[in-house]
Protein backbone atom coordinates (compact mmCIF):
# COMPACT_ATOMS: atom_id res chain seq x y z
CA MET A 1 -6.41 18.09 -8.75
CA VAL A 2 -3.44 15.65 -8.64
CA ALA A 3 -3.29 13.63 -11.84
CA GLY A 4 -0.77 11.09 -10.55
CA GLY A 5 2.78 10.76 -9.39
CA VAL A 6 5.67 8.66 -8.16
CA SER A 7 7.56 8.01 -4.95
CA VAL A 8 11.36 7.96 -5.03
CA GLU A 9 12.94 5.70 -2.42
CA TYR A 10 16.56 5.17 -1.45
CA ASP A 11 17.65 1.68 -2.45
CA GLU A 12 21.29 0.58 -2.20
CA SER A 13 20.60 -2.41 -4.44
CA ALA A 14 19.35 -0.25 -7.32
CA GLU A 15 21.64 0.93 -10.13
CA TYR A 16 21.74 4.56 -8.98
CA ASN A 17 20.87 3.87 -5.33
CA TYR A 18 17.24 4.85 -5.74
CA ARG A 19 14.09 3.38 -7.21
CA VAL A 20 10.98 5.07 -8.58
CA ASP A 21 7.67 3.51 -7.53
CA PRO A 22 4.27 4.38 -9.06
CA ASP A 23 2.08 6.47 -6.76
CA ASP A 24 -1.17 7.01 -8.65
CA ARG A 25 -3.02 8.16 -5.54
CA PRO A 26 -0.39 10.30 -3.81
CA SER A 27 -0.66 11.05 -0.12
CA ASP A 28 1.22 13.83 1.65
CA LEU A 29 3.25 12.63 4.62
CA SER A 30 4.08 16.03 6.11
CA GLY A 31 1.96 18.80 4.57
CA HIS A 32 4.69 20.65 2.70
CA GLY A 33 3.71 19.22 -0.68
CA THR A 34 0.05 20.05 -0.11
CA ALA A 35 1.01 23.66 0.65
CA CYS A 36 3.02 24.02 -2.55
CA ALA A 37 0.40 22.27 -4.69
CA GLY A 38 -2.32 24.45 -3.21
CA ILE A 39 -0.47 27.64 -4.12
CA ILE A 40 0.08 26.46 -7.69
CA HIS A 41 -3.56 25.37 -8.01
CA SER A 42 -4.80 28.74 -6.72
CA LEU A 43 -2.92 30.50 -9.53
CA ALA A 44 -3.30 27.93 -12.32
CA PRO A 45 -6.45 25.95 -11.45
CA GLU A 46 -6.54 24.08 -14.76
CA ALA A 47 -2.97 22.82 -14.55
CA GLU A 48 -2.47 19.08 -14.15
CA LEU A 49 -0.40 18.44 -11.04
CA TYR A 50 1.90 15.48 -10.50
CA SER A 51 3.40 14.49 -7.17
CA VAL A 52 7.06 13.44 -7.08
CA ARG A 53 7.71 12.53 -3.45
CA VAL A 54 11.37 12.41 -2.41
CA LEU A 55 11.06 13.27 1.30
CA GLY A 56 9.67 11.32 4.25
CA ARG A 57 7.47 12.21 7.20
CA ASP A 58 10.28 14.13 8.87
CA MET A 59 10.86 16.23 5.72
CA LEU A 60 14.25 14.60 5.28
CA GLY A 61 15.62 12.64 2.35
CA ARG A 62 18.80 11.89 0.49
CA ALA A 63 20.12 14.13 -2.27
CA ILE A 64 20.19 11.14 -4.61
CA GLN A 65 16.42 10.71 -4.11
CA PHE A 66 15.93 14.38 -4.98
CA ALA A 67 18.07 13.95 -8.10
CA GLY A 68 16.12 10.85 -9.08
CA GLY A 69 12.80 12.62 -8.70
CA LEU A 70 13.96 15.60 -10.71
CA ASP A 71 15.30 13.33 -13.44
CA TRP A 72 11.94 11.54 -13.56
CA ALA A 73 10.11 14.86 -13.98
CA VAL A 74 12.41 15.96 -16.80
CA TYR A 75 11.95 12.74 -18.78
CA ASN A 76 8.24 12.13 -18.14
CA GLY A 77 6.47 14.99 -19.82
CA MET A 78 6.40 17.67 -17.14
CA HIS A 79 6.30 21.24 -18.51
CA VAL A 80 7.03 23.05 -15.23
CA ALA A 81 8.66 21.62 -12.11
CA ASN A 82 8.39 23.32 -8.73
CA LEU A 83 11.42 22.61 -6.54
CA SER A 84 10.69 23.77 -3.00
CA LEU A 85 13.78 21.99 -1.77
CA SER A 86 17.49 21.94 -2.48
CA THR A 87 20.76 20.37 -1.45
CA SER A 88 23.86 22.16 -0.21
CA ARG A 89 26.12 19.12 -0.60
CA GLY A 90 28.90 20.10 -2.99
CA GLU A 91 29.47 16.56 -4.23
CA TYR A 92 26.09 16.74 -5.99
CA TYR A 93 26.82 20.02 -7.78
CA ALA A 94 27.73 18.37 -11.09
CA LEU A 95 24.86 15.86 -11.03
CA PHE A 96 22.20 18.50 -10.46
CA HIS A 97 23.86 20.77 -13.01
CA GLU A 98 23.58 18.02 -15.63
CA ILE A 99 19.91 17.37 -14.81
CA ALA A 100 19.11 21.09 -14.88
CA ASP A 101 20.77 21.43 -18.28
CA ASP A 102 18.83 18.41 -19.53
CA ALA A 103 15.62 20.10 -18.37
CA TYR A 104 16.57 23.33 -20.14
CA PHE A 105 17.21 21.62 -23.45
CA ARG A 106 14.12 19.42 -23.12
CA ASN A 107 11.99 22.55 -22.66
CA VAL A 108 11.15 21.92 -18.99
CA VAL A 109 11.08 25.04 -16.80
CA LEU A 110 12.55 24.40 -13.35
CA VAL A 111 11.42 26.84 -10.64
CA SER A 112 13.73 26.47 -7.65
CA ALA A 113 13.52 27.92 -4.15
CA VAL A 114 16.82 29.19 -2.80
CA ASN A 115 18.13 28.09 0.58
CA ASN A 116 16.37 29.59 3.60
CA VAL A 117 19.78 30.22 5.16
CA PRO A 118 22.63 32.18 3.53
CA ALA A 119 24.44 29.19 2.02
CA PRO A 120 24.79 27.83 -1.52
CA SER A 121 22.20 25.30 -2.60
CA TYR A 122 21.52 23.37 -5.76
CA PRO A 123 19.93 23.55 -8.27
CA SER A 124 18.80 27.08 -7.33
CA LEU A 125 22.17 28.63 -8.25
CA TYR A 126 22.19 27.47 -11.86
CA SER A 127 21.37 29.98 -14.60
CA SER A 128 19.20 27.36 -16.35
CA VAL A 129 16.57 27.49 -13.57
CA VAL A 130 14.23 30.20 -12.29
CA SER A 131 15.52 30.91 -8.77
CA VAL A 132 13.09 32.37 -6.23
CA ALA A 133 13.24 33.82 -2.71
CA ALA A 134 10.44 35.13 -0.51
CA HIS A 135 9.22 38.71 -0.16
CA SER A 136 6.61 40.01 2.27
CA GLY A 137 3.95 41.12 -0.21
CA GLN A 138 0.56 39.42 -0.16
CA ASP A 139 -0.55 39.84 -3.78
CA PRO A 140 -0.05 36.33 -5.24
CA LEU A 141 0.62 37.71 -8.71
CA ALA A 142 3.10 40.39 -7.64
CA TYR A 143 6.71 39.33 -7.99
CA TYR A 144 9.98 41.22 -8.36
CA TYR A 145 13.13 40.85 -10.40
CA ASN A 146 16.40 40.92 -8.52
CA PRO A 147 19.04 42.79 -10.57
CA ALA A 148 21.83 41.18 -8.55
CA PRO A 149 21.49 37.39 -8.99
CA PRO A 150 22.05 34.49 -8.30
CA VAL A 151 18.53 34.86 -6.81
CA GLU A 152 16.52 36.12 -9.77
CA PHE A 153 13.00 36.71 -8.47
CA GLY A 154 11.14 37.44 -5.27
CA ALA A 155 7.57 36.18 -4.74
CA PRO A 156 5.18 36.04 -1.76
CA GLY A 157 6.53 33.74 0.92
CA VAL A 158 6.13 35.56 4.26
CA ASN A 159 3.10 34.78 6.43
CA VAL A 160 1.35 32.98 3.58
CA ARG A 161 -1.84 31.09 4.34
CA VAL A 162 -1.40 27.62 2.88
CA ALA A 163 -3.31 24.36 2.68
CA TRP A 164 -1.89 21.54 4.80
CA LYS A 165 -2.53 17.85 5.18
CA ASP A 166 -5.62 16.50 6.95
CA ARG A 167 -7.73 19.42 5.65
CA GLN A 168 -5.82 21.96 7.71
CA TYR A 169 -4.59 25.46 6.90
CA LEU A 170 -1.49 27.13 8.30
CA THR A 171 0.25 30.49 8.03
CA SER A 172 3.83 29.79 6.99
CA THR A 173 6.99 31.59 5.92
CA GLY A 174 9.80 30.39 3.67
CA ASN A 175 11.26 30.37 0.20
CA SER A 176 9.45 27.06 -0.25
CA PHE A 177 6.21 29.00 -0.59
CA ALA A 178 7.62 31.68 -2.89
CA ALA A 179 8.68 29.14 -5.54
CA PRO A 180 5.17 27.74 -6.18
CA HIS A 181 3.86 31.27 -6.71
CA MET A 182 6.34 31.60 -9.56
CA ALA A 183 5.64 28.05 -10.76
CA GLY A 184 1.94 28.89 -10.99
CA ILE A 185 2.69 32.02 -13.01
CA VAL A 186 5.00 30.04 -15.29
CA ALA A 187 2.23 27.47 -15.79
CA LEU A 188 -0.11 30.29 -16.87
CA ILE A 189 2.49 31.61 -19.32
CA ARG A 190 3.13 28.20 -20.82
CA SER A 191 -0.58 27.43 -21.13
CA LYS A 192 -1.02 30.60 -23.19
CA HIS A 193 2.27 30.29 -25.09
CA PRO A 194 3.36 26.63 -25.12
CA GLU A 195 5.91 27.39 -27.83
CA LEU A 196 8.12 29.40 -25.47
CA ASN A 197 11.36 27.80 -24.34
CA PRO A 198 12.77 28.29 -20.80
CA PHE A 199 14.93 31.25 -21.85
CA GLN A 200 11.91 32.97 -23.37
CA VAL A 201 9.76 32.21 -20.33
CA LYS A 202 12.37 33.77 -18.08
CA THR A 203 12.45 36.84 -20.34
CA VAL A 204 8.66 37.19 -20.01
CA LEU A 205 8.98 36.90 -16.24
CA TRP A 206 11.57 39.67 -16.22
CA ALA A 207 9.48 41.92 -18.45
CA CYS A 208 6.34 41.49 -16.32
CA ALA A 209 7.98 41.87 -12.88
CA ALA A 210 6.40 44.53 -10.70
CA ASN A 211 9.63 46.55 -10.49
CA VAL A 212 10.29 46.34 -14.25
CA CYS A 213 6.85 46.82 -15.81
CA PRO A 214 5.25 50.02 -14.41
CA ALA A 215 1.65 49.71 -13.25
CA ALA A 216 -0.96 51.01 -15.68
CA GLY A 217 -2.17 54.54 -14.95
């Protein structure tokens, strides 16, 4: 299911204060990554998944590690990147904006969960990404367009049954679990129409949202 990956570690001696280490047999330290990967796999079972680990066992990490991992994904052939994390540190606004723009122009669709608390977070606020918050529906393919951004879409993320590490399952709530629902749908769109750029993918998402496209019959 996981084709490979990397681990991004903080390193003061490195040029940008982080290093990227190969991680061909990724292991999940906390369970959060397994949950997100499981959601994507349930929607797009033929997608190749890559692990880009930027957080430790305590689910904490530095924003520069996050930026390094995102940069790696943009420049190493990823078509869709699920970002079930963010930073609210204003000093990283410009850096993440630059990486998000690079992704947009390199035809990489970034799907970003918004902050779980009412505070700005990056890169979810940029127009170049697909920003996602949780709604309480249980249909994994039902998502909604928000006509009053910056949050653009709502996807299932309340009381979602998710895979966890050590062969466990949990019922969890959070925007972290809404984003991979959208990432899985984006993966399906791109597998059928690989020629679509991020703007076109977002247009398809809007057109197919449950509150935009009326149900048949």
